[in-house]
Amino acid sequence: MDFINPLANDYTQAYSNATPSYLKSLFEDTLATHEHCHLQSSWTQGGFLSFISKMLAPSHILEIGSFTGFSALCLAEGLTKKGELHTIELREEDAKKAKAAFDINPRSKQLHMHVGDAKEIIPTLDKKWDLIFIDADKTSYIDYYNMAVPLLNDKGIIIVDNVLFHGEVLEDAVKGKSAKAIQAFNEHVFSDQNTEQVMLTIRDGLTLIRKK
């Protein structure tokens, strides 16, 4: 779901071309057939993820929340030749669809799907990450952040999705479990003296975070 004016979203999409064109069928199929299609990154947001990944040229990418695989494949665009992307999805059906998209991708051997609870899986991966994308259950965002920061390489970046939560965090009284969790997360990150961050009004809000 987009928070920004739909006309502005359409305009920025018309003048952006960083999203890998081969992903159009996966993107549109999810929109057409998935009952929770609003959880998918927007087309332009996918281009942003791809653009950032190409700038960083990461060797190790961690994605928390795969959905049907569109964002992971965008992030994989910048992987080094021997790099790895590890993505975690709680829902088996979504993980299955994402894995099918990975299997036909030229980078398939570099893409690793993990199914289950991210808080249990992350410690088993035993890696340092150049790029981490958090887009999963909102009530666990603080937990994911606290786990991610120590595992981030010195020049690595964390990208967090839905930090505006459909504009609900702008209300005088923030309501709803997920909106309250996002507000608490935003305050938690902002008060962390060990990191710096910038919040962007892309789609439903993205925050970029790096260690000082």
C-alpha atoms as a PDB file:
ATOM      1  CA  MET A   1       0.000   0.000   0.000  1.00  0.00           C
ATOM      2  CA  ASP A   2       1.345   3.420  -0.994  1.00  0.00           C
ATOM      3  CA  PHE A   3       1.113   6.332   1.420  1.00  0.00           C
ATOM      4  CA  ILE A   4       2.377   9.002  -1.020  1.00  0.00           C
ATOM      5  CA  ASN A   5      -0.022  10.662  -3.495  1.00  0.00           C
ATOM      6  CA  PRO A   6      -0.805   8.088  -6.221  1.00  0.00           C
ATOM      7  CA  LEU A   7      -0.128  10.685  -8.944  1.00  0.00           C
ATOM      8  CA  ALA A   8       3.332  11.287  -7.497  1.00  0.00           C
ATOM      9  CA  ASN A   9       3.933   7.528  -7.418  1.00  0.00           C
ATOM     10  CA  ASP A  10       2.884   7.214 -11.063  1.00  0.00           C
ATOM     11  CA  TYR A  11       5.113  10.137 -12.046  1.00  0.00           C
ATOM     12  CA  THR A  12       8.193   8.800 -10.270  1.00  0.00           C
ATOM     13  CA  GLN A  13       7.629   5.383 -11.801  1.00  0.00           C
ATOM     14  CA  ALA A  14       7.395   6.923 -15.268  1.00  0.00           C
ATOM     15  CA  TYR A  15      10.786   8.554 -14.825  1.00  0.00           C
ATOM     16  CA  SER A  16      12.569   5.644 -13.128  1.00  0.00           C
ATOM     17  CA  ASN A  17      14.063   2.677 -14.939  1.00  0.00           C
ATOM     18  CA  ALA A  18      16.305   0.884 -12.412  1.00  0.00           C
ATOM     19  CA  THR A  19      13.905  -1.988 -11.751  1.00  0.00           C
ATOM     20  CA  PRO A  20      15.000  -5.155 -13.621  1.00  0.00           C
ATOM     21  CA  SER A  21      12.525  -5.524 -16.473  1.00  0.00           C
ATOM     22  CA  TYR A  22      12.613  -9.333 -16.370  1.00  0.00           C
ATOM     23  CA  LEU A  23      10.841  -9.206 -12.995  1.00  0.00           C
ATOM     24  CA  LYS A  24       7.684  -7.667 -14.474  1.00  0.00           C
ATOM     25  CA  SER A  25       5.853 -10.998 -14.784  1.00  0.00           C
ATOM     26  CA  LEU A  26       6.586 -12.010 -11.175  1.00  0.00           C
ATOM     27  CA  PHE A  27       5.584  -8.562  -9.953  1.00  0.00           C
ATOM     28  CA  GLU A  28       2.322  -8.458 -11.907  1.00  0.00           C
ATOM     29  CA  ASP A  29       1.412 -12.059 -11.120  1.00  0.00           C
ATOM     30  CA  THR A  30       1.655 -11.314  -7.388  1.00  0.00           C
ATOM     31  CA  LEU A  31      -0.525  -8.225  -7.816  1.00  0.00           C
ATOM     32  CA  ALA A  32      -3.104 -10.196  -9.779  1.00  0.00           C
ATOM     33  CA  THR A  33      -3.301 -13.382  -7.716  1.00  0.00           C
ATOM     34  CA  HIS A  34      -2.124 -12.840  -4.134  1.00  0.00           C
ATOM     35  CA  GLU A  35      -4.735 -11.803  -1.593  1.00  0.00           C
ATOM     36  CA  HIS A  36      -2.082  -9.831   0.299  1.00  0.00           C
ATOM     37  CA  CYS A  37      -0.453  -8.301  -2.777  1.00  0.00           C
ATOM     38  CA  HIS A  38      -0.105  -4.945  -0.984  1.00  0.00           C
ATOM     39  CA  LEU A  39       2.785  -6.497   0.947  1.00  0.00           C
ATOM     40  CA  GLN A  40       4.920  -6.560  -2.190  1.00  0.00           C
ATOM     41  CA  SER A  41       7.417  -3.733  -2.732  1.00  0.00           C
ATOM     42  CA  SER A  42       6.246  -1.292  -5.387  1.00  0.00           C
ATOM     43  CA  TRP A  43       7.853  -1.393  -8.823  1.00  0.00           C
ATOM     44  CA  THR A  44       9.818   1.816  -8.197  1.00  0.00           C
ATOM     45  CA  GLN A  45      10.822   0.685  -4.726  1.00  0.00           C
ATOM     46  CA  GLY A  46      12.251  -2.449  -6.329  1.00  0.00           C
ATOM     47  CA  GLY A  47      14.336  -0.189  -8.543  1.00  0.00           C
ATOM     48  CA  PHE A  48      15.574   1.675  -5.481  1.00  0.00           C
ATOM     49  CA  LEU A  49      16.653  -1.588  -3.830  1.00  0.00           C
ATOM     50  CA  SER A  50      18.418  -2.661  -7.004  1.00  0.00           C
ATOM     51  CA  PHE A  51      20.127   0.743  -7.353  1.00  0.00           C
ATOM     52  CA  ILE A  52      21.411   0.719  -3.756  1.00  0.00           C
ATOM     53  CA  SER A  53      22.636  -2.847  -4.099  1.00  0.00           C
ATOM     54  CA  LYS A  54      24.566  -2.002  -7.246  1.00  0.00           C
ATOM     55  CA  MET A  55      26.168   0.938  -5.455  1.00  0.00           C
ATOM     56  CA  LEU A  56      27.266  -1.220  -2.525  1.00  0.00           C
ATOM     57  CA  ALA A  57      28.259  -4.324  -4.531  1.00  0.00           C
ATOM     58  CA  PRO A  58      27.570  -6.481  -1.454  1.00  0.00           C
ATOM     59  CA  SER A  59      29.026  -9.910  -0.840  1.00  0.00           C
ATOM     60  CA  HIS A  60      26.386 -10.842   1.726  1.00  0.00           C
ATOM     61  CA  ILE A  61      22.760  -9.691   1.763  1.00  0.00           C
ATOM     62  CA  LEU A  62      20.161 -10.598   4.385  1.00  0.00           C
ATOM     63  CA  GLU A  63      16.461 -10.079   3.739  1.00  0.00           C
ATOM     64  CA  ILE A  64      13.969 -10.522   6.575  1.00  0.00           C
ATOM     65  CA  GLY A  65      10.618 -11.083   4.894  1.00  0.00           C
ATOM     66  CA  SER A  66      10.748 -12.589   1.382  1.00  0.00           C
ATOM     67  CA  PHE A  67       7.077 -12.543   0.393  1.00  0.00           C
ATOM     68  CA  THR A  68       7.047 -13.851  -3.223  1.00  0.00           C
ATOM     69  CA  GLY A  69      10.624 -12.961  -4.073  1.00  0.00           C
ATOM     70  CA  PHE A  70      10.441  -9.670  -5.986  1.00  0.00           C
ATOM     71  CA  SER A  71      12.445  -7.588  -3.509  1.00  0.00           C
ATOM     72  CA  ALA A  72      15.068 -10.312  -3.043  1.00  0.00           C
ATOM     73  CA  LEU A  73      15.716 -10.496  -6.773  1.00  0.00           C
ATOM     74  CA  CYS A  74      15.999  -6.710  -6.941  1.00  0.00           C
ATOM     75  CA  LEU A  75      18.517  -6.758  -4.084  1.00  0.00           C
ATOM     76  CA  ALA A  76      20.465  -9.538  -5.793  1.00  0.00           C
ATOM     77  CA  GLU A  77      21.227  -7.286  -8.764  1.00  0.00           C
ATOM     78  CA  GLY A  78      24.315  -5.886  -7.024  1.00  0.00           C
ATOM     79  CA  LEU A  79      25.718  -9.122  -5.630  1.00  0.00           C
ATOM     80  CA  THR A  80      29.378  -9.853  -6.296  1.00  0.00           C
ATOM     81  CA  LYS A  81      30.055 -12.964  -8.396  1.00  0.00           C
ATOM     82  CA  LYS A  82      30.726 -15.050  -5.309  1.00  0.00           C
ATOM     83  CA  GLY A  83      28.210 -13.226  -3.131  1.00  0.00           C
ATOM     84  CA  GLU A  84      25.228 -14.694  -1.288  1.00  0.00           C
ATOM     85  CA  LEU A  85      21.720 -13.499  -0.555  1.00  0.00           C
ATOM     86  CA  HIS A  86      19.896 -15.148   2.328  1.00  0.00           C
ATOM     87  CA  THR A  87      16.196 -14.446   2.671  1.00  0.00           C
ATOM     88  CA  ILE A  88      13.799 -15.568   5.401  1.00  0.00           C
ATOM     89  CA  GLU A  89      10.063 -16.118   5.003  1.00  0.00           C
ATOM     90  CA  LEU A  90       7.667 -17.366   7.681  1.00  0.00           C
ATOM     91  CA  ARG A  91       4.840 -18.399   5.325  1.00  0.00           C
ATOM     92  CA  GLU A  92       5.567 -21.627   3.464  1.00  0.00           C
ATOM     93  CA  GLU A  93       3.389 -20.858   0.432  1.00  0.00           C
ATOM     94  CA  ASP A  94       5.062 -17.497  -0.178  1.00  0.00           C
ATOM     95  CA  ALA A  95       8.501 -19.055   0.331  1.00  0.00           C
ATOM     96  CA  LYS A  96       7.630 -21.736  -2.224  1.00  0.00           C
ATOM     97  CA  LYS A  97       6.669 -19.120  -4.818  1.00  0.00           C
ATOM     98  CA  ALA A  98       9.813 -17.098  -4.149  1.00  0.00           C
ATOM     99  CA  LYS A  99      11.992 -20.214  -4.380  1.00  0.00           C
ATOM    100  CA  ALA A 100      10.459 -21.057  -7.763  1.00  0.00           C
ATOM    101  CA  ALA A 101      11.439 -17.589  -9.013  1.00  0.00           C
ATOM    102  CA  PHE A 102      14.951 -18.034  -7.600  1.00  0.00           C
ATOM    103  CA  ASP A 103      15.411 -21.408  -9.266  1.00  0.00           C
ATOM    104  CA  ILE A 104      15.029 -19.977 -12.764  1.00  0.00           C
ATOM    105  CA  ASN A 105      17.261 -16.972 -12.074  1.00  0.00           C
ATOM    106  CA  PRO A 106      20.858 -16.911 -13.396  1.00  0.00           C
ATOM    107  CA  ARG A 107      21.984 -16.196  -9.810  1.00  0.00           C
ATOM    108  CA  SER A 108      20.060 -19.163  -8.398  1.00  0.00           C
ATOM    109  CA  LYS A 109      23.108 -20.713  -6.723  1.00  0.00           C
ATOM    110  CA  GLN A 110      23.695 -17.471  -4.842  1.00  0.00           C
ATOM    111  CA  LEU A 111      20.143 -17.222  -3.496  1.00  0.00           C
ATOM    112  CA  HIS A 112      19.295 -19.056  -0.276  1.00  0.00           C
ATOM    113  CA  MET A 113      15.746 -19.377   1.060  1.00  0.00           C
ATOM    114  CA  HIS A 114      15.085 -20.049   4.744  1.00  0.00           C
ATOM    115  CA  VAL A 115      11.573 -20.853   5.947  1.00  0.00           C
ATOM    116  CA  GLY A 116      10.609 -20.146   9.545  1.00  0.00           C
ATOM    117  CA  ASP A 117      11.013 -17.639  12.362  1.00  0.00           C
ATOM    118  CA  ALA A 118      13.697 -15.083  11.497  1.00  0.00           C
ATOM    119  CA  LYS A 119      14.623 -14.608  15.155  1.00  0.00           C
ATOM    120  CA  GLU A 120      15.562 -18.280  15.305  1.00  0.00           C
ATOM    121  CA  ILE A 121      17.195 -18.477  11.874  1.00  0.00           C
ATOM    122  CA  ILE A 122      19.412 -15.373  11.893  1.00  0.00           C
ATOM    123  CA  PRO A 123      21.771 -16.615  14.648  1.00  0.00           C
ATOM    124  CA  THR A 124      22.360 -19.864  12.715  1.00  0.00           C
ATOM    125  CA  LEU A 125      23.636 -18.066   9.595  1.00  0.00           C
ATOM    126  CA  ASP A 126      26.869 -16.936  11.293  1.00  0.00           C
ATOM    127  CA  LYS A 127      27.689 -14.164   8.816  1.00  0.00           C
ATOM    128  CA  LYS A 128      28.435 -10.463   8.639  1.00  0.00           C
ATOM    129  CA  TRP A 129      26.161  -8.561   6.268  1.00  0.00           C
ATOM    130  CA  ASP A 130      26.794  -5.734   3.803  1.00  0.00           C
ATOM    131  CA  LEU A 131      23.109  -5.062   3.204  1.00  0.00           C
ATOM    132  CA  ILE A 132      20.099  -5.977   5.336  1.00  0.00           C
ATOM    133  CA  PHE A 133      16.487  -5.388   4.288  1.00  0.00           C
ATOM    134  CA  ILE A 134      13.819  -5.617   7.000  1.00  0.00           C
ATOM    135  CA  ASP A 135      10.241  -6.045   5.751  1.00  0.00           C
ATOM    136  CA  ALA A 136       8.478  -8.560   7.977  1.00  0.00           C
ATOM    137  CA  ASP A 137       6.113  -8.535  10.976  1.00  0.00           C
ATOM    138  CA  LYS A 138       6.097  -5.018  12.396  1.00  0.00           C
ATOM    139  CA  THR A 139       5.854  -6.045  16.054  1.00  0.00           C
ATOM    140  CA  SER A 140       9.302  -7.658  15.767  1.00  0.00           C
ATOM    141  CA  TYR A 141      11.088  -4.752  14.078  1.00  0.00           C
ATOM    142  CA  ILE A 142      12.970  -3.700  17.224  1.00  0.00           C
ATOM    143  CA  ASP A 143      14.112  -7.292  17.750  1.00  0.00           C
ATOM    144  CA  TYR A 144      15.268  -7.569  14.140  1.00  0.00           C
ATOM    145  CA  TYR A 145      17.109  -4.254  14.393  1.00  0.00           C
ATOM    146  CA  ASN A 146      18.855  -5.218  17.615  1.00  0.00           C
ATOM    147  CA  MET A 147      19.955  -8.469  16.011  1.00  0.00           C
ATOM    148  CA  ALA A 148      20.999  -6.820  12.743  1.00  0.00           C
ATOM    149  CA  VAL A 149      23.208  -3.965  13.928  1.00  0.00           C
ATOM    150  CA  PRO A 150      25.943  -6.142  15.511  1.00  0.00           C
ATOM    151  CA  LEU A 151      25.989  -8.305  12.365  1.00  0.00           C
ATOM    152  CA  LEU A 152      26.408  -5.349   9.995  1.00  0.00           C
ATOM    153  CA  ASN A 153      29.779  -4.760   8.338  1.00  0.00           C
ATOM    154  CA  ASP A 154      31.351  -1.373   9.030  1.00  0.00           C
ATOM    155  CA  LYS A 155      30.226   0.076   5.687  1.00  0.00           C
ATOM    156  CA  GLY A 156      26.995  -1.900   5.551  1.00  0.00           C
ATOM    157  CA  ILE A 157      23.466  -0.506   5.369  1.00  0.00           C
ATOM    158  CA  ILE A 158      20.157  -1.587   6.860  1.00  0.00           C
ATOM    159  CA  ILE A 159      17.021  -0.677   4.889  1.00  0.00           C
ATOM    160  CA  VAL A 160      13.707  -0.857   6.751  1.00  0.00           C
ATOM    161  CA  ASP A 161      10.317  -0.790   5.008  1.00  0.00           C
ATOM    162  CA  ASN A 162       6.903   0.560   6.089  1.00  0.00           C
ATOM    163  CA  VAL A 163       8.259   3.110   8.570  1.00  0.00           C
ATOM    164  CA  LEU A 164       5.298   5.440   7.820  1.00  0.00           C
ATOM    165  CA  PHE A 165       2.817   2.548   8.111  1.00  0.00           C
ATOM    166  CA  HIS A 166       0.179   3.928   5.750  1.00  0.00           C
ATOM    167  CA  GLY A 167       0.406   7.316   7.467  1.00  0.00           C
ATOM    168  CA  GLU A 168      -0.923   5.962  10.753  1.00  0.00           C
ATOM    169  CA  VAL A 169       2.215   7.081  12.613  1.00  0.00           C
ATOM    170  CA  LEU A 170       1.286  10.672  11.722  1.00  0.00           C
ATOM    171  CA  GLU A 171      -1.928  10.572  13.748  1.00  0.00           C
ATOM    172  CA  ASP A 172      -2.107  12.502  17.024  1.00  0.00           C
ATOM    173  CA  ALA A 173      -2.825   9.226  18.787  1.00  0.00           C
ATOM    174  CA  VAL A 174      -1.207   6.259  17.060  1.00  0.00           C
ATOM    175  CA  LYS A 175      -3.619   3.326  17.074  1.00  0.00           C
ATOM    176  CA  GLY A 176      -3.350  -0.318  16.155  1.00  0.00           C
ATOM    177  CA  LYS A 177      -0.759  -2.886  17.188  1.00  0.00           C
ATOM    178  CA  SER A 178       1.399  -2.630  14.071  1.00  0.00           C
ATOM    179  CA  ALA A 179       1.299   1.171  13.881  1.00  0.00           C
ATOM    180  CA  LYS A 180       2.284   1.423  17.540  1.00  0.00           C
ATOM    181  CA  ALA A 181       5.108  -1.051  16.928  1.00  0.00           C
ATOM    182  CA  ILE A 182       6.416   1.012  14.005  1.00  0.00           C
ATOM    183  CA  GLN A 183       6.259   4.218  16.047  1.00  0.00           C
ATOM    184  CA  ALA A 184       8.182   2.512  18.856  1.00  0.00           C
ATOM    185  CA  PHE A 185      10.713   1.217  16.322  1.00  0.00           C
ATOM    186  CA  ASN A 186      11.236   4.655  14.765  1.00  0.00           C
ATOM    187  CA  GLU A 187      11.851   6.149  18.204  1.00  0.00           C
ATOM    188  CA  HIS A 188      14.169   3.277  19.136  1.00  0.00           C
ATOM    189  CA  VAL A 189      16.353   3.757  16.058  1.00  0.00           C
ATOM    190  CA  PHE A 190      16.392   7.535  16.379  1.00  0.00           C
ATOM    191  CA  SER A 191      17.632   7.300  19.962  1.00  0.00           C
ATOM    192  CA  ASP A 192      20.404   4.805  19.165  1.00  0.00           C
ATOM    193  CA  GLN A 193      23.696   6.682  19.565  1.00  0.00           C
ATOM    194  CA  ASN A 194      25.605   3.989  17.658  1.00  0.00           C
ATOM    195  CA  THR A 195      23.849   4.497  14.331  1.00  0.00           C
ATOM    196  CA  GLU A 196      22.672   7.250  12.017  1.00  0.00           C
ATOM    197  CA  GLN A 197      19.626   7.129   9.809  1.00  0.00           C
ATOM    198  CA  VAL A 198      17.651   8.911   7.147  1.00  0.00           C
ATOM    199  CA  MET A 199      13.937   8.335   6.593  1.00  0.00           C
ATOM    200  CA  LEU A 200      12.677   8.586   3.013  1.00  0.00           C
ATOM    201  CA  THR A 201       9.124   9.052   1.769  1.00  0.00           C
ATOM    202  CA  ILE A 202       9.364   6.283  -0.815  1.00  0.00           C
ATOM    203  CA  ARG A 203       6.083   4.349  -1.020  1.00  0.00           C
ATOM    204  CA  ASP A 204       5.187   3.550   2.607  1.00  0.00           C
ATOM    205  CA  GLY A 205       8.433   4.972   4.014  1.00  0.00           C
ATOM    206  CA  LEU A 206      11.972   3.568   4.029  1.00  0.00           C
ATOM    207  CA  THR A 207      14.678   4.196   6.618  1.00  0.00           C
ATOM    208  CA  LEU A 208      18.344   3.765   5.743  1.00  0.00           C
ATOM    209  CA  ILE A 209      20.623   3.024   8.703  1.00  0.00           C
ATOM    210  CA  ARG A 210      24.390   2.722   9.081  1.00  0.00           C
ATOM    211  CA  LYS A 211      26.764   2.387  11.993  1.00  0.00           C
ATOM    212  CA  LYS A 212      28.648   5.546  13.023  1.00  0.00           C
END
